[in-house]
Amino acid sequence: MPDFDLLVIGSGPGGQRAAVAAAKLGRRVAVADRPDMIGGVCINTGTIPSKTLREAVLYLTGLTQRDLYGQSYRLKEEITVADLTARTQHVVSREVDVIRSQLTRNHIALLAGTGRFTDDHTVAVRDVTGQDRLVTAEHIVIATGTRPARPASVEFDDRTIVDSDSVLNLETVPRSMVIVGAGVIGIEYASMFAALGSKVTVVEQRDAMLDFCDLEIVEALKYHLRELAVTFRFGETVAAVERHPRGTLTVLESGKRIPADTVMYSAGRQGLTDELDLDKAGLSADRRGRIAVDEHYRTTVPHIYAVGDVIGFPALAATSMEQGRAAAYHACGEAVNPMGHMQPIGIYTIPETSFIGRTEDQLTEERVPFEVGISRYRELARGQIIGDSHGMLKLLVSTEDRRLLGVHVFGTGATELIHIGQAVMGCGGTVDYLVDAVFNYPTLAESYKVAALDATNKLRQIGNLSG
C-alpha cells in the first residue's frame, strides 16, 4: 500500500486546494514544500505581497484622496521601504499561519522539503539538511508554480537590476526606474512606483500593452499612468543593461539610452520543473517549464496531475484553486463540473481594472452585433464620496437577445464589481435584469443600472428606427 492516496508537490493556491479537497473526501493526503515557501509563490513573493504593497502605497501616498484634498495631499511625506514592507510582512505571516492551520485541521501531512521523482509513484523529499525521504502515493499532483524568467544576457544583482520577486527586497524607493515588459506584472509595479514618486519608464517590444483588454479601458489606464509621470517606449527592444556606480543605463536597439536607479525585468514566467526529475516519472516540460495536461488536469501519465501556473495560461491564483479542486476530485473518482469558459480577469494597477467576457474588438472581428452601455463614477454619489471621478463601467450587450457579452470596469473596486456581471452572465441573464434590479444607494454597484439604462435606451432607438 502506498504511503498516501494523494501527494501534492507545492503548497500554493492550486496545491493547497487539491490537498484539502482530497482530504475532505476522506483520502490520506500529504503536501511537500519548503518550510520558507508555505503558501507558494502566491503568498511569499507574488500575488499577496504585491497586492499588499499596492494597498500600502495607496494608503501612505493618499493618492486616491487628492481629488478631495488637493494634489499635494500625502499621509506621509517621506515613505520608506520599511513603511511598505511592514504591512506586507504582517499579511504574509498571517496568511502562512492560516494555510498551516487549514492543513492541520484537515489532517494533511506537511512534508518539509523539495520533491523530485524517483519513479512515477515515488517522490524523494529532501529536507534542509540534505536528507531524502522516499514517499509513495497512488496519485500525485504537481503544483510547483513558476519563477520570473531571467534573460541570460542580463546580470541580475537583486539590488539595481531586479525581477518581480527581488523588487520586493529593494532597500530604498528608487528615484527613477526602468521596467522592461508591459504585461500585467510590469504595469502593476509601474503604477505602484509611479504613485510613490519614482520616475518610471516602461519599455515594451510590442506596439501596445495589455492587448487582451478593452482598448478604451487600456487608453484610460495609460492616460492615468502618464498623469503619474510614467513614460512609455513601445516598439522598443532592450539591447543591453549597464550597471554603473551611480545607477543603471538601459540601452535600446534604437539607440536610446535611459538612465535609472533601478531596472526591473518583467519578461514572463518560467515553470519550476527543473529539479523535479520529470523524466523518471515519464514526463517532460516545454522550454518554459510548463507541463501539458488534459481537460481533467492529467499529464501523459494518468495518475499524475498538474495544476496552476506550471501548466500555463491563465496562470491566476483564482483559476489555480479551481484546477486543484477539479484535479483532486477526478483523482478520487468524484464528479466535478468543468470550469466555466468565462473567468474574470483582475489587474491591480492604480486605478485597478477588471473584465469578463469579450471585448469590442473581439465582437467586431467575430461579426457579433452589440451595443455599449457606459456608466462613469462621476455620475454616481459613491464616486463623489470616495473621490473617484475617473472610473467607468462598460457593458457590451447583444442586440439580438439582449444578453451580456462582456463587462469591463476601470477604477476603484473594479476587481470586486466585476463579479456582479459574472453572476448575471453565468446565469444567462440579460441587460433587462440589471435595469429592473434595485441596488443599494449610494454604491459603485449602481453603475450597472446606469450602464444598463444607457444600453437599453440605445437599443430602443435602434428598434424605433428599424421598426
Protein backbone atom coordinates (compact mmCIF):
# COMPACT_ATOMS: atom_id res chain seq x y z
CA MET A 1 0.00 0.00 0.00
CA PRO A 2 1.37 3.47 -0.86
CA ASP A 3 2.10 5.94 1.94
CA PHE A 4 -0.61 8.33 0.74
CA ASP A 5 -3.60 8.32 -1.56
CA LEU A 6 -2.62 11.76 -2.87
CA LEU A 7 0.71 13.58 -2.70
CA VAL A 8 0.86 17.24 -3.71
CA ILE A 9 4.17 18.86 -4.64
CA GLY A 10 3.78 22.55 -3.83
CA SER A 11 1.54 24.39 -1.35
CA GLY A 12 0.40 27.33 -3.47
CA PRO A 13 -3.27 28.02 -4.31
CA GLY A 14 -3.59 25.02 -6.66
CA GLY A 15 -1.76 22.55 -4.44
CA GLN A 16 -3.47 23.68 -1.28
CA ARG A 17 -6.95 23.32 -2.78
CA ALA A 18 -6.12 19.92 -4.25
CA ALA A 19 -4.90 18.66 -0.87
CA VAL A 20 -7.88 19.98 1.09
CA ALA A 21 -10.40 18.70 -1.47
CA ALA A 22 -8.95 15.18 -1.32
CA ALA A 23 -8.78 15.28 2.48
CA LYS A 24 -12.45 16.31 2.66
CA LEU A 25 -13.21 13.17 0.61
CA GLY A 26 -11.52 11.04 3.27
CA ARG A 27 -8.24 10.39 1.47
CA ARG A 28 -4.78 10.21 3.06
CA VAL A 29 -3.02 13.33 1.79
CA ALA A 30 0.43 14.89 2.05
CA VAL A 31 1.88 18.19 0.78
CA ALA A 32 5.61 18.63 0.13
CA ASP A 33 7.10 22.12 0.13
CA ARG A 34 10.00 24.12 1.51
CA PRO A 35 9.38 25.43 5.06
CA ASP A 36 10.02 29.01 3.89
CA MET A 37 7.60 28.71 0.97
CA ILE A 38 4.37 27.56 2.62
CA GLY A 39 1.62 29.08 0.50
CA GLY A 40 3.82 29.00 -2.57
CA VAL A 41 4.88 31.89 -4.75
CA CYS A 42 1.39 33.40 -4.39
CA ILE A 43 1.79 34.04 -0.66
CA ASN A 44 5.53 34.68 -0.42
CA THR A 45 6.70 36.59 -3.49
CA GLY A 46 3.76 37.03 -5.86
CA THR A 47 0.09 37.88 -5.52
CA ILE A 48 -0.25 38.60 -1.80
CA PRO A 49 2.95 40.67 -1.28
CA SER A 50 2.39 42.74 -4.43
CA LYS A 51 -1.28 43.44 -3.70
CA THR A 52 -0.46 44.29 -0.07
CA LEU A 53 2.29 46.60 -1.28
CA ARG A 54 -0.24 48.30 -3.55
CA GLU A 55 -2.60 48.84 -0.60
CA ALA A 56 0.24 50.33 1.45
CA VAL A 57 1.16 52.64 -1.43
CA LEU A 58 -2.42 53.87 -1.81
CA TYR A 59 -2.77 54.46 1.93
CA LEU A 60 0.56 56.18 2.59
CA THR A 61 0.60 58.36 -0.53
CA GLY A 62 -3.03 59.44 -0.11
CA LEU A 63 -3.26 59.19 -3.88
CA THR A 64 -6.95 58.31 -4.04
CA GLN A 65 -7.90 61.27 -1.81
CA ARG A 66 -6.25 64.01 -3.86
CA ASP A 67 -9.37 64.87 -5.83
CA LEU A 68 -10.90 65.82 -2.48
CA TYR A 69 -7.97 67.29 -0.55
CA GLY A 70 -5.69 68.65 -3.27
CA GLN A 71 -2.84 67.30 -5.38
CA SER A 72 -0.25 67.90 -2.64
CA TYR A 73 -2.08 65.67 -0.12
CA ARG A 74 0.04 62.85 1.34
CA LEU A 75 -0.46 60.85 4.52
CA LYS A 76 3.34 60.55 4.96
CA GLU A 77 5.84 62.85 3.32
CA GLU A 78 8.87 60.55 3.23
CA ILE A 79 7.78 56.98 2.56
CA THR A 80 10.46 54.37 3.22
CA VAL A 81 10.71 50.74 2.17
CA ALA A 82 10.27 49.82 5.84
CA ASP A 83 6.89 51.59 5.82
CA LEU A 84 5.81 49.49 2.86
CA THR A 85 7.22 46.12 3.94
CA ALA A 86 5.81 46.27 7.47
CA ARG A 87 2.31 45.75 6.12
CA THR A 88 3.46 43.13 3.62
CA GLN A 89 5.31 41.06 6.22
CA HIS A 90 2.32 41.18 8.57
CA VAL A 91 -0.13 39.95 5.92
CA VAL A 92 2.21 37.24 4.59
CA SER A 93 2.84 35.94 8.11
CA ARG A 94 -0.88 35.76 8.86
CA GLU A 95 -1.64 34.02 5.55
CA VAL A 96 1.05 31.39 6.17
CA ASP A 97 -0.48 30.72 9.59
CA VAL A 98 -3.93 30.34 8.01
CA ILE A 99 -2.62 27.79 5.49
CA ARG A 100 -0.72 25.78 8.12
CA SER A 101 -3.85 25.71 10.27
CA GLN A 102 -6.00 24.59 7.35
CA LEU A 103 -3.65 21.72 6.50
CA THR A 104 -3.50 20.65 10.15
CA ARG A 105 -7.29 20.80 10.63
CA ASN A 106 -7.75 18.52 7.64
CA HIS A 107 -5.11 16.05 8.85
CA ILE A 108 -2.86 16.69 5.85
CA ALA A 109 0.78 15.73 6.38
CA LEU A 110 3.17 18.60 5.65
CA LEU A 111 6.49 17.26 4.38
CA ALA A 112 9.16 19.94 4.73
CA GLY A 113 11.45 19.90 1.72
CA THR A 114 11.68 19.88 -2.06
CA GLY A 115 10.32 16.94 -4.02
CA ARG A 116 11.70 15.12 -7.05
CA PHE A 117 10.52 11.96 -8.78
CA THR A 118 12.35 8.67 -8.47
CA ASP A 119 9.61 6.86 -10.38
CA ASP A 120 6.01 7.57 -11.35
CA HIS A 121 4.64 6.69 -7.89
CA THR A 122 7.58 7.75 -5.71
CA VAL A 123 8.89 11.18 -4.73
CA ALA A 124 12.07 11.88 -2.78
CA VAL A 125 11.52 14.82 -0.41
CA ARG A 126 14.83 16.47 0.51
CA ASP A 127 14.83 18.47 3.75
CA VAL A 128 17.07 21.42 4.72
CA THR A 129 19.78 19.07 5.99
CA GLY A 130 20.01 17.32 2.62
CA GLN A 131 18.35 14.13 3.82
CA ASP A 132 15.91 12.38 1.47
CA ARG A 133 12.66 10.77 2.48
CA LEU A 134 11.04 8.48 -0.08
CA VAL A 135 7.27 8.90 -0.24
CA THR A 136 4.90 6.79 -2.34
CA ALA A 137 1.42 7.81 -3.48
CA GLU A 138 -1.35 6.41 -5.63
CA HIS A 139 -1.90 9.84 -7.23
CA ILE A 140 0.44 12.82 -7.43
CA VAL A 141 -0.36 16.47 -8.15
CA ILE A 142 2.38 18.79 -9.42
CA ALA A 143 1.70 22.35 -8.26
CA THR A 144 5.18 23.83 -8.16
CA GLY A 145 4.31 27.20 -9.74
CA THR A 146 6.69 29.49 -11.59
CA ARG A 147 9.51 31.97 -11.12
CA PRO A 148 10.29 35.13 -13.09
CA ALA A 149 12.06 34.39 -16.36
CA ARG A 150 15.55 35.93 -16.43
CA PRO A 151 17.24 36.62 -19.78
CA ALA A 152 20.72 35.05 -19.81
CA SER A 153 22.24 38.25 -21.20
CA VAL A 154 21.24 40.32 -18.13
CA GLU A 155 23.33 40.32 -14.94
CA PHE A 156 20.80 40.47 -12.12
CA ASP A 157 22.18 41.62 -8.77
CA ASP A 158 18.80 41.90 -6.98
CA ARG A 159 19.66 45.48 -5.94
CA THR A 160 19.86 47.62 -9.07
CA ILE A 161 18.75 45.03 -11.64
CA VAL A 162 15.81 43.06 -10.28
CA ASP A 163 12.86 40.88 -11.27
CA SER A 164 9.31 40.83 -9.89
CA ASP A 165 10.45 38.69 -6.92
CA SER A 166 13.52 40.62 -5.82
CA VAL A 167 11.86 44.02 -6.38
CA LEU A 168 10.14 43.39 -3.04
CA ASN A 169 13.54 43.45 -1.32
CA LEU A 170 14.75 46.86 -2.54
CA GLU A 171 16.47 48.81 0.24
CA THR A 172 15.13 52.21 -0.86
CA VAL A 173 12.37 53.57 -3.06
CA PRO A 174 14.18 54.33 -6.36
CA ARG A 175 14.02 57.88 -7.68
CA SER A 176 13.90 56.50 -11.21
CA MET A 177 13.11 53.09 -12.64
CA VAL A 178 13.02 51.28 -15.97
CA ILE A 179 10.52 48.42 -16.24
CA VAL A 180 11.12 46.03 -19.12
CA GLY A 181 7.82 44.45 -20.17
CA ALA A 182 4.33 45.95 -20.23
CA GLY A 183 2.45 42.83 -19.19
CA VAL A 184 0.21 42.61 -16.15
CA ILE A 185 3.01 42.40 -13.57
CA GLY A 186 5.11 45.11 -15.22
CA ILE A 187 2.23 47.58 -15.43
CA GLU A 188 1.11 46.84 -11.86
CA TYR A 189 4.56 47.67 -10.50
CA ALA A 190 4.89 50.66 -12.84
CA SER A 191 1.75 52.20 -11.34
CA MET A 192 2.86 51.47 -7.76
CA PHE A 193 6.32 53.00 -8.05
CA ALA A 194 4.96 55.95 -10.04
CA ALA A 195 2.48 56.59 -7.20
CA LEU A 196 5.44 56.59 -4.78
CA GLY A 197 7.06 59.32 -6.85
CA SER A 198 9.55 57.27 -8.88
CA LYS A 199 10.10 58.42 -12.45
CA VAL A 200 9.13 55.26 -14.34
CA THR A 201 9.90 54.34 -17.95
CA VAL A 202 8.18 51.24 -19.39
CA VAL A 203 9.92 49.55 -22.32
CA GLU A 204 7.84 47.11 -24.39
CA GLN A 205 8.81 45.49 -27.69
CA ARG A 206 5.17 45.20 -28.77
CA ASP A 207 3.24 48.22 -30.03
CA ALA A 208 0.71 48.17 -27.20
CA MET A 209 0.17 46.97 -23.65
CA LEU A 210 -2.46 44.61 -22.25
CA ASP A 211 -3.77 43.86 -25.73
CA PHE A 212 -6.23 41.30 -24.34
CA CYS A 213 -8.12 44.10 -22.55
CA ASP A 214 -10.72 46.51 -23.87
CA LEU A 215 -8.99 49.25 -25.87
CA GLU A 216 -10.92 52.10 -24.22
CA ILE A 217 -10.02 50.80 -20.74
CA VAL A 218 -6.34 50.50 -21.68
CA GLU A 219 -6.33 54.04 -23.07
CA ALA A 220 -7.85 55.32 -19.81
CA LEU A 221 -5.19 53.45 -17.81
CA LYS A 222 -2.39 54.83 -19.97
CA TYR A 223 -3.74 58.36 -19.51
CA HIS A 224 -3.68 57.99 -15.72
CA LEU A 225 -0.23 56.45 -15.70
CA ARG A 226 1.07 59.33 -17.80
CA GLU A 227 -0.52 61.66 -15.22
CA LEU A 228 1.76 59.90 -12.70
CA ALA A 229 4.72 60.73 -14.98
CA VAL A 230 5.13 57.24 -16.48
CA THR A 231 6.87 57.25 -19.86
CA PHE A 232 6.10 54.51 -22.38
CA ARG A 233 8.54 53.24 -25.01
CA PHE A 234 6.54 50.89 -27.21
CA GLY A 235 8.09 49.02 -30.15
CA GLU A 236 11.47 49.12 -28.42
CA THR A 237 13.81 46.25 -27.54
CA VAL A 238 16.48 46.33 -24.85
CA ALA A 239 19.96 45.75 -26.30
CA ALA A 240 21.87 45.92 -23.02
CA VAL A 241 21.64 46.98 -19.39
CA GLU A 242 24.80 48.54 -17.97
CA ARG A 243 25.48 48.83 -14.26
CA HIS A 244 27.37 51.92 -13.10
CA PRO A 245 28.39 53.24 -9.65
CA ARG A 246 25.59 55.82 -9.76
CA GLY A 247 22.88 53.59 -11.22
CA THR A 248 22.00 51.79 -14.45
CA LEU A 249 21.89 52.64 -18.12
CA THR A 250 19.39 50.80 -20.31
CA VAL A 251 20.43 50.81 -23.97
CA LEU A 252 17.71 50.22 -26.54
CA GLU A 253 18.27 48.79 -30.02
CA SER A 254 17.02 52.09 -31.45
CA GLY A 255 19.97 53.81 -29.81
CA LYS A 256 18.05 55.41 -26.93
CA ARG A 257 19.80 55.34 -23.55
CA ILE A 258 17.74 55.54 -20.36
CA PRO A 259 19.48 56.24 -17.04
CA ALA A 260 17.75 55.00 -13.87
CA ASP A 261 18.46 53.93 -10.30
CA THR A 262 16.83 50.54 -10.86
CA VAL A 263 15.85 48.26 -13.75
CA MET A 264 13.10 45.71 -13.25
CA TYR A 265 12.57 42.88 -15.73
CA SER A 266 9.07 41.52 -16.16
CA ALA A 267 9.64 39.17 -19.06
CA GLY A 268 7.25 36.32 -18.38
CA ARG A 269 7.44 33.34 -16.04
CA GLN A 270 9.35 30.05 -16.03
CA GLY A 271 7.81 26.84 -14.67
CA LEU A 272 9.55 25.42 -11.60
CA THR A 273 10.12 21.96 -13.04
CA ASP A 274 13.92 21.87 -13.48
CA GLU A 275 14.55 19.96 -10.25
CA LEU A 276 11.58 17.58 -10.41
CA ASP A 277 13.37 14.90 -12.47
CA LEU A 278 10.24 14.60 -14.58
CA ASP A 279 11.86 12.07 -16.92
CA LYS A 280 11.97 9.50 -14.12
CA ALA A 281 8.17 9.68 -13.97
CA GLY A 282 7.84 9.52 -17.75
CA LEU A 283 7.07 13.24 -18.08
CA SER A 284 8.57 16.27 -19.79
CA ALA A 285 8.13 20.05 -19.84
CA ASP A 286 8.39 22.61 -22.64
CA ARG A 287 11.12 25.26 -22.87
CA ARG A 288 9.17 27.48 -20.47
CA GLY A 289 9.00 24.66 -17.92
CA ARG A 290 5.28 24.09 -18.47
CA ILE A 291 3.60 20.68 -18.30
CA ALA A 292 0.84 19.68 -20.74
CA VAL A 293 -2.44 18.38 -19.27
CA ASP A 294 -5.85 17.22 -20.50
CA GLU A 295 -9.27 18.60 -19.53
CA HIS A 296 -9.04 16.77 -16.17
CA TYR A 297 -5.53 18.18 -15.49
CA ARG A 298 -3.96 14.78 -16.04
CA THR A 299 -0.49 14.64 -17.53
CA THR A 300 0.56 11.98 -20.05
CA VAL A 301 0.96 9.69 -17.02
CA PRO A 302 -2.72 9.28 -16.00
CA HIS A 303 -2.25 9.15 -12.21
CA ILE A 304 -0.06 12.28 -12.18
CA TYR A 305 -1.83 15.64 -12.40
CA ALA A 306 -0.53 19.20 -12.80
CA VAL A 307 -2.32 22.42 -11.85
CA GLY A 308 -1.70 26.14 -11.51
CA ASP A 309 0.91 28.33 -13.16
CA VAL A 310 3.06 25.32 -14.05
CA ILE A 311 0.54 24.36 -16.78
CA GLY A 312 0.46 27.88 -18.26
CA PHE A 313 -2.47 30.14 -19.17
CA PRO A 314 -4.39 31.62 -17.44
CA ALA A 315 -1.93 31.32 -14.53
CA LEU A 316 -4.13 33.08 -11.99
CA ALA A 317 -4.41 32.24 -8.29
CA ALA A 318 -8.20 32.01 -8.64
CA THR A 319 -8.15 29.59 -11.57
CA SER A 320 -5.33 27.58 -9.97
CA MET A 321 -7.51 26.96 -6.93
CA GLU A 322 -10.32 25.63 -9.06
CA GLN A 323 -7.92 23.48 -11.10
CA GLY A 324 -6.56 21.96 -7.90
CA ARG A 325 -10.03 21.08 -6.64
CA ALA A 326 -11.05 19.60 -10.01
CA ALA A 327 -7.86 17.51 -10.24
CA ALA A 328 -8.32 16.11 -6.73
CA TYR A 329 -11.97 15.27 -7.38
CA HIS A 330 -11.08 13.46 -10.59
CA ALA A 331 -8.27 11.54 -8.89
CA CYS A 332 -10.71 10.48 -6.16
CA GLY A 333 -13.42 9.45 -8.62
CA GLU A 334 -15.71 12.30 -7.54
CA ALA A 335 -17.90 14.02 -10.11
CA VAL A 336 -16.96 17.63 -10.81
CA ASN A 337 -18.33 20.17 -13.26
CA PRO A 338 -15.80 21.53 -15.76
CA MET A 339 -14.57 25.05 -15.12
CA GLY A 340 -16.61 27.65 -16.98
CA HIS A 341 -15.01 29.21 -20.02
CA MET A 342 -15.61 32.73 -18.71
CA GLN A 343 -13.22 33.71 -15.94
CA PRO A 344 -12.87 37.24 -14.51
CA ILE A 345 -9.52 38.91 -15.05
CA GLY A 346 -8.33 41.38 -12.40
CA ILE A 347 -5.35 43.69 -12.91
CA TYR A 348 -4.24 45.53 -9.77
CA THR A 349 -2.92 48.65 -11.38
CA ILE A 350 -3.61 52.12 -9.97
CA PRO A 351 -6.51 52.50 -10.74
CA GLU A 352 -7.40 48.82 -10.98
CA THR A 353 -9.06 47.21 -13.99
CA SER A 354 -11.12 44.07 -14.43
CA PHE A 355 -13.20 42.38 -17.09
CA ILE A 356 -15.09 39.27 -18.07
CA GLY A 357 -16.29 38.12 -21.47
CA ARG A 358 -15.33 39.57 -24.82
CA THR A 359 -14.02 42.96 -25.87
CA GLU A 360 -15.43 45.29 -28.51
CA ASP A 361 -12.64 44.32 -30.92
CA GLN A 362 -13.30 40.60 -30.47
CA LEU A 363 -17.03 41.00 -31.06
CA THR A 364 -16.42 43.16 -34.13
CA GLU A 365 -13.98 40.60 -35.55
CA GLU A 366 -16.49 37.80 -34.90
CA ARG A 367 -19.26 39.89 -36.53
CA VAL A 368 -21.43 39.75 -33.42
CA PRO A 369 -23.79 42.76 -33.28
CA PHE A 370 -23.70 44.56 -29.92
CA GLU A 371 -24.49 47.81 -28.19
CA VAL A 372 -22.50 49.57 -25.48
CA GLY A 373 -23.76 50.91 -22.16
CA ILE A 374 -21.45 53.13 -20.10
CA SER A 375 -21.56 54.45 -16.56
CA ARG A 376 -18.99 56.87 -15.18
CA TYR A 377 -18.15 57.08 -11.49
CA ARG A 378 -18.52 60.87 -11.57
CA GLU A 379 -22.25 60.30 -12.20
CA LEU A 380 -22.57 58.26 -9.01
CA ALA A 381 -22.92 59.63 -5.49
CA ARG A 382 -20.47 56.98 -4.25
CA GLY A 383 -17.93 58.08 -6.84
CA GLN A 384 -18.11 61.64 -5.48
CA ILE A 385 -17.92 60.42 -1.87
CA ILE A 386 -14.74 58.39 -2.43
CA GLY A 387 -13.16 60.96 -4.74
CA ASP A 388 -13.00 58.80 -7.87
CA SER A 389 -14.33 60.83 -10.79
CA HIS A 390 -12.42 58.88 -13.44
CA GLY A 391 -13.74 55.33 -13.01
CA MET A 392 -16.10 53.75 -15.52
CA LEU A 393 -18.08 50.58 -16.18
CA LYS A 394 -18.89 49.34 -19.68
CA LEU A 395 -21.48 46.73 -20.65
CA LEU A 396 -21.44 45.02 -24.05
CA VAL A 397 -24.97 43.86 -24.86
CA SER A 398 -26.19 41.63 -27.69
CA THR A 399 -28.64 43.46 -29.95
CA GLU A 400 -30.24 40.12 -30.83
CA ASP A 401 -31.12 38.59 -27.43
CA ARG A 402 -30.02 41.38 -25.00
CA ARG A 403 -27.61 39.09 -23.14
CA LEU A 404 -24.41 40.47 -21.63
CA LEU A 405 -21.42 39.67 -23.85
CA GLY A 406 -18.78 41.47 -21.82
CA VAL A 407 -18.28 43.66 -18.75
CA HIS A 408 -15.27 45.97 -18.40
CA VAL A 409 -14.52 48.06 -15.31
CA PHE A 410 -11.86 50.69 -14.63
CA GLY A 411 -11.46 52.40 -11.26
CA THR A 412 -11.91 51.84 -7.54
CA GLY A 413 -13.25 48.40 -6.66
CA ALA A 414 -13.14 47.12 -10.25
CA THR A 415 -12.00 43.63 -9.23
CA GLU A 416 -14.92 43.35 -6.79
CA LEU A 417 -17.57 44.94 -9.03
CA ILE A 418 -16.85 42.53 -11.89
CA HIS A 419 -18.45 39.64 -10.01
CA ILE A 420 -21.93 41.13 -10.40
CA GLY A 421 -21.52 40.95 -14.17
CA GLN A 422 -20.01 37.48 -13.85
CA ALA A 423 -23.07 36.23 -11.96
CA VAL A 424 -25.50 37.72 -14.48
CA MET A 425 -23.56 36.31 -17.44
CA GLY A 426 -23.14 32.92 -15.79
CA CYS A 427 -26.89 32.63 -15.34
CA GLY A 428 -27.57 33.72 -18.91
CA GLY A 429 -29.11 36.97 -17.72
CA THR A 430 -29.98 39.91 -19.92
CA VAL A 431 -29.44 43.64 -19.59
CA ASP A 432 -33.11 43.89 -18.54
CA TYR A 433 -32.32 42.18 -15.23
CA LEU A 434 -29.88 44.99 -14.41
CA VAL A 435 -32.44 47.63 -15.45
CA ASP A 436 -35.06 46.18 -13.09
CA ALA A 437 -32.72 45.34 -10.19
CA VAL A 438 -32.54 47.58 -7.12
CA PHE A 439 -29.00 48.36 -5.93
CA ASN A 440 -28.03 49.81 -2.57
CA TYR A 441 -27.56 53.59 -2.63
CA PRO A 442 -25.01 55.09 -2.66
CA THR A 443 -22.76 52.34 -4.07
CA LEU A 444 -20.48 51.77 -7.02
CA ALA A 445 -22.68 48.78 -7.90
CA GLU A 446 -25.25 51.31 -9.09
CA SER A 447 -23.01 51.72 -12.13
CA TYR A 448 -24.54 48.50 -13.50
CA LYS A 449 -28.02 50.04 -13.53
CA VAL A 450 -26.80 53.30 -15.08
CA ALA A 451 -24.89 51.44 -17.81
CA ALA A 452 -27.83 49.09 -18.39
CA LEU A 453 -30.20 52.02 -18.85
CA ASP A 454 -27.73 53.61 -21.25
CA ALA A 455 -27.57 50.40 -23.31
CA THR A 456 -31.35 49.82 -23.35
CA ASN A 457 -32.01 53.42 -24.42
CA LYS A 458 -29.73 52.86 -27.41
CA LEU A 459 -31.41 49.54 -28.18
CA ARG A 460 -34.78 51.26 -28.05
CA GLN A 461 -33.64 53.88 -30.57
CA ILE A 462 -32.42 51.13 -32.91
CA GLY A 463 -35.77 49.34 -32.55
CA ASN A 464 -37.74 52.52 -33.24
CA LEU A 465 -35.80 53.21 -36.42
CA SER A 466 -35.85 49.66 -37.72
CA GLY A 467 -39.47 49.07 -36.72
